[in-house]
Amino acid sequence: SRPREFWRLDYWEDDLRRRRRFVRNPLGSTHPEATLKAAGEHAPGEDILVKGKQSIKSQALGNQNSESEILLEGDDDIMSFIEEREVENLTGPVALSTPAQLVAPSVVVKGTLSITLSELYFEVDEEDPSFKKIDPKV
């Protein structure tokens, strides 16, 4: 539904001499997309592009049988639906999960920071007494 976001580790120094931070990477891509682009630039043959697209589809489908692949090969709407449904299988499990605090202007919220292969997200601990004291308008 929403476009995939890519992040890169940026070498940057703030006032406290902290050096690394994650910043959005607008030029990011998945490895299959990057190799498909490179193949198209070096060998503009239509055959290579078709094979590359089929390999991306086969990765998205995982272990489905060949009959369903034949049925889905021409239908992009069904293919996009399956890719969205199977995205959790491709991203894998949570790589790192740790207690953390989200700091924003006038509020600090305790919760859990979780990192997967494709996402970085923060989940608020709604049972924490300090969270219950926060004004709902914030």
C-alpha atoms as a PDB file:
ATOM      1  CA  SER A   1       0.000   0.000   0.000  1.00  0.00           C
ATOM      2  CA  ARG A   2       2.600   2.613   1.003  1.00  0.00           C
ATOM      3  CA  PRO A   3       5.923   2.813  -0.834  1.00  0.00           C
ATOM      4  CA  ARG A   4       8.901   1.037   0.660  1.00  0.00           C
ATOM      5  CA  GLU A   5      11.358   3.290   2.489  1.00  0.00           C
ATOM      6  CA  PHE A   6      15.108   2.745   2.357  1.00  0.00           C
ATOM      7  CA  TRP A   7      17.567   3.926   4.991  1.00  0.00           C
ATOM      8  CA  ARG A   8      21.320   4.419   4.986  1.00  0.00           C
ATOM      9  CA  LEU A   9      23.857   4.981   7.726  1.00  0.00           C
ATOM     10  CA  ASP A  10      25.058   8.579   7.486  1.00  0.00           C
ATOM     11  CA  TYR A  11      28.387   9.781   8.881  1.00  0.00           C
ATOM     12  CA  TRP A  12      27.400  12.997  10.600  1.00  0.00           C
ATOM     13  CA  GLU A  13      28.553  14.767  13.748  1.00  0.00           C
ATOM     14  CA  ASP A  14      26.301  16.692  16.115  1.00  0.00           C
ATOM     15  CA  ASP A  15      27.226  18.925  19.052  1.00  0.00           C
ATOM     16  CA  LEU A  16      27.816  15.917  21.307  1.00  0.00           C
ATOM     17  CA  ARG A  17      30.153  14.300  18.751  1.00  0.00           C
ATOM     18  CA  ARG A  18      27.771  11.463  17.976  1.00  0.00           C
ATOM     19  CA  ARG A  19      28.683  10.324  14.534  1.00  0.00           C
ATOM     20  CA  ARG A  20      26.252   7.925  12.914  1.00  0.00           C
ATOM     21  CA  ARG A  21      22.541   8.210  12.227  1.00  0.00           C
ATOM     22  CA  PHE A  22      19.945   6.653   9.935  1.00  0.00           C
ATOM     23  CA  VAL A  23      18.667   8.912   7.160  1.00  0.00           C
ATOM     24  CA  ARG A  24      16.199   8.152   4.370  1.00  0.00           C
ATOM     25  CA  ASN A  25      17.794   7.014   1.133  1.00  0.00           C
ATOM     26  CA  PRO A  26      15.644   8.116  -1.838  1.00  0.00           C
ATOM     27  CA  LEU A  27      17.910   6.196  -4.224  1.00  0.00           C
ATOM     28  CA  GLY A  28      17.627   2.895  -2.339  1.00  0.00           C
ATOM     29  CA  SER A  29      16.462  -0.317  -3.995  1.00  0.00           C
ATOM     30  CA  THR A  30      16.188  -4.015  -3.298  1.00  0.00           C
ATOM     31  CA  HIS A  31      18.935  -6.215  -4.641  1.00  0.00           C
ATOM     32  CA  PRO A  32      16.777  -7.871  -7.360  1.00  0.00           C
ATOM     33  CA  GLU A  33      15.678  -4.421  -8.614  1.00  0.00           C
ATOM     34  CA  ALA A  34      19.278  -3.180  -8.716  1.00  0.00           C
ATOM     35  CA  THR A  35      20.581  -6.196 -10.618  1.00  0.00           C
ATOM     36  CA  LEU A  36      17.664  -6.027 -13.057  1.00  0.00           C
ATOM     37  CA  LYS A  37      18.461  -2.362 -13.815  1.00  0.00           C
ATOM     38  CA  ALA A  38      22.143  -3.188 -14.315  1.00  0.00           C
ATOM     39  CA  ALA A  39      21.309  -6.060 -16.676  1.00  0.00           C
ATOM     40  CA  GLY A  40      19.046  -3.798 -18.708  1.00  0.00           C
ATOM     41  CA  GLU A  41      21.723  -1.133 -19.076  1.00  0.00           C
ATOM     42  CA  HIS A  42      24.537  -3.493 -20.099  1.00  0.00           C
ATOM     43  CA  ALA A  43      22.532  -5.866 -22.293  1.00  0.00           C
ATOM     44  CA  PRO A  44      19.354  -4.248 -23.611  1.00  0.00           C
ATOM     45  CA  GLY A  45      17.987  -7.603 -24.796  1.00  0.00           C
ATOM     46  CA  GLU A  46      14.310  -8.125 -23.960  1.00  0.00           C
ATOM     47  CA  ASP A  47      15.043 -11.723 -22.930  1.00  0.00           C
ATOM     48  CA  ILE A  48      17.177 -10.725 -19.906  1.00  0.00           C
ATOM     49  CA  LEU A  49      14.533  -8.331 -18.588  1.00  0.00           C
ATOM     50  CA  VAL A  50      11.805 -10.976 -18.848  1.00  0.00           C
ATOM     51  CA  LYS A  51      13.948 -13.513 -16.979  1.00  0.00           C
ATOM     52  CA  GLY A  52      14.737 -10.951 -14.283  1.00  0.00           C
ATOM     53  CA  LYS A  53      11.071 -10.091 -13.747  1.00  0.00           C
ATOM     54  CA  GLN A  54      10.231 -13.796 -13.514  1.00  0.00           C
ATOM     55  CA  SER A  55      12.934 -14.313 -10.871  1.00  0.00           C
ATOM     56  CA  ILE A  56      11.522 -11.436  -8.800  1.00  0.00           C
ATOM     57  CA  LYS A  57       8.038 -12.968  -9.085  1.00  0.00           C
ATOM     58  CA  SER A  58       9.348 -16.372  -8.038  1.00  0.00           C
ATOM     59  CA  GLN A  59      10.983 -14.848  -4.944  1.00  0.00           C
ATOM     60  CA  ALA A  60       7.709 -13.149  -4.009  1.00  0.00           C
ATOM     61  CA  LEU A  61       5.727 -16.340  -4.469  1.00  0.00           C
ATOM     62  CA  GLY A  62       8.102 -18.462  -2.397  1.00  0.00           C
ATOM     63  CA  ASN A  63       7.210 -22.145  -2.416  1.00  0.00           C
ATOM     64  CA  GLN A  64       3.968 -21.982  -4.395  1.00  0.00           C
ATOM     65  CA  ASN A  65       3.403 -24.614  -7.059  1.00  0.00           C
ATOM     66  CA  SER A  66       4.131 -24.038 -10.749  1.00  0.00           C
ATOM     67  CA  GLU A  67       0.437 -24.100 -11.742  1.00  0.00           C
ATOM     68  CA  SER A  68      -0.263 -20.953  -9.731  1.00  0.00           C
ATOM     69  CA  GLU A  69       2.820 -19.277 -11.240  1.00  0.00           C
ATOM     70  CA  ILE A  70       1.507 -19.957 -14.743  1.00  0.00           C
ATOM     71  CA  LEU A  71      -1.887 -18.494 -13.817  1.00  0.00           C
ATOM     72  CA  LEU A  72      -0.354 -15.389 -12.217  1.00  0.00           C
ATOM     73  CA  GLU A  73       2.248 -14.669 -14.856  1.00  0.00           C
ATOM     74  CA  GLY A  74      -0.004 -12.435 -16.958  1.00  0.00           C
ATOM     75  CA  ASP A  75      -2.137 -10.837 -14.257  1.00  0.00           C
ATOM     76  CA  ASP A  76      -0.347  -7.907 -12.588  1.00  0.00           C
ATOM     77  CA  ASP A  77      -3.245  -7.098 -10.210  1.00  0.00           C
ATOM     78  CA  ILE A  78      -3.185 -10.569  -8.684  1.00  0.00           C
ATOM     79  CA  MET A  79       0.622 -10.492  -8.584  1.00  0.00           C
ATOM     80  CA  SER A  80       0.691  -7.217  -6.641  1.00  0.00           C
ATOM     81  CA  PHE A  81      -1.853  -8.625  -4.174  1.00  0.00           C
ATOM     82  CA  ILE A  82       0.289 -11.707  -3.549  1.00  0.00           C
ATOM     83  CA  GLU A  83       3.443  -9.579  -3.199  1.00  0.00           C
ATOM     84  CA  GLU A  84       1.745  -7.471  -0.506  1.00  0.00           C
ATOM     85  CA  ARG A  85       0.499 -10.578   1.284  1.00  0.00           C
ATOM     86  CA  GLU A  86       3.861 -12.320   1.163  1.00  0.00           C
ATOM     87  CA  VAL A  87       5.989  -9.302   2.111  1.00  0.00           C
ATOM     88  CA  GLU A  88       6.144 -10.431   5.736  1.00  0.00           C
ATOM     89  CA  ASN A  89       7.700 -13.737   4.658  1.00  0.00           C
ATOM     90  CA  LEU A  90      10.379 -11.871   2.700  1.00  0.00           C
ATOM     91  CA  THR A  91      11.266  -9.361   5.416  1.00  0.00           C
ATOM     92  CA  GLY A  92      11.855 -12.031   7.999  1.00  0.00           C
ATOM     93  CA  PRO A  93      11.699 -11.866  11.760  1.00  0.00           C
ATOM     94  CA  VAL A  94      12.639  -8.983  14.015  1.00  0.00           C
ATOM     95  CA  ALA A  95      16.422  -8.605  13.972  1.00  0.00           C
ATOM     96  CA  LEU A  96      16.663  -6.418  17.087  1.00  0.00           C
ATOM     97  CA  SER A  97      14.188  -5.407  19.761  1.00  0.00           C
ATOM     98  CA  THR A  98      15.175  -3.289  22.747  1.00  0.00           C
ATOM     99  CA  PRO A  99      13.545  -1.082  25.385  1.00  0.00           C
ATOM    100  CA  ALA A 100      13.817   2.569  24.333  1.00  0.00           C
ATOM    101  CA  GLN A 101      12.472   6.052  24.885  1.00  0.00           C
ATOM    102  CA  LEU A 102      11.039   8.220  22.133  1.00  0.00           C
ATOM    103  CA  VAL A 103      11.994  11.841  22.752  1.00  0.00           C
ATOM    104  CA  ALA A 104       9.851  14.561  21.208  1.00  0.00           C
ATOM    105  CA  PRO A 105       9.268  18.214  22.100  1.00  0.00           C
ATOM    106  CA  SER A 106       7.703  18.363  25.606  1.00  0.00           C
ATOM    107  CA  VAL A 107       7.281  14.574  25.933  1.00  0.00           C
ATOM    108  CA  VAL A 108       9.321  11.402  26.510  1.00  0.00           C
ATOM    109  CA  VAL A 109       7.558   8.089  25.887  1.00  0.00           C
ATOM    110  CA  LYS A 110       8.810   4.659  26.970  1.00  0.00           C
ATOM    111  CA  GLY A 111       8.386   1.713  24.654  1.00  0.00           C
ATOM    112  CA  THR A 112      10.146  -0.828  22.456  1.00  0.00           C
ATOM    113  CA  LEU A 113      12.283  -0.150  19.377  1.00  0.00           C
ATOM    114  CA  SER A 114      12.147  -3.012  16.863  1.00  0.00           C
ATOM    115  CA  ILE A 115      14.197  -3.447  13.702  1.00  0.00           C
ATOM    116  CA  THR A 116      13.444  -5.918  10.889  1.00  0.00           C
ATOM    117  CA  LEU A 117      15.171  -6.271   7.536  1.00  0.00           C
ATOM    118  CA  SER A 118      12.886  -3.633   6.031  1.00  0.00           C
ATOM    119  CA  GLU A 119      11.408  -1.599   8.902  1.00  0.00           C
ATOM    120  CA  LEU A 120      12.383   0.423  11.926  1.00  0.00           C
ATOM    121  CA  TYR A 121       9.475   1.045  14.296  1.00  0.00           C
ATOM    122  CA  PHE A 122       8.698   2.144  17.840  1.00  0.00           C
ATOM    123  CA  GLU A 123       5.842   0.664  19.891  1.00  0.00           C
ATOM    124  CA  VAL A 124       4.610   2.672  22.893  1.00  0.00           C
ATOM    125  CA  ASP A 125       4.235   0.929  26.254  1.00  0.00           C
ATOM    126  CA  GLU A 126       0.639   1.971  26.978  1.00  0.00           C
ATOM    127  CA  GLU A 127       0.740   0.429  30.479  1.00  0.00           C
ATOM    128  CA  ASP A 128       3.548   2.741  31.628  1.00  0.00           C
ATOM    129  CA  PRO A 129       2.321   5.278  34.257  1.00  0.00           C
ATOM    130  CA  SER A 130       4.189   8.144  32.574  1.00  0.00           C
ATOM    131  CA  PHE A 131       2.327   7.429  29.304  1.00  0.00           C
ATOM    132  CA  LYS A 132      -1.037   7.589  31.052  1.00  0.00           C
ATOM    133  CA  LYS A 133      -0.160  11.047  32.431  1.00  0.00           C
ATOM    134  CA  ILE A 134       0.528  12.483  28.962  1.00  0.00           C
ATOM    135  CA  ASP A 135      -2.136  14.835  27.606  1.00  0.00           C
ATOM    136  CA  PRO A 136      -4.065  13.024  24.799  1.00  0.00           C
ATOM    137  CA  LYS A 137      -3.815  16.152  22.642  1.00  0.00           C
ATOM    138  CA  VAL A 138      -0.047  15.644  22.436  1.00  0.00           C
END
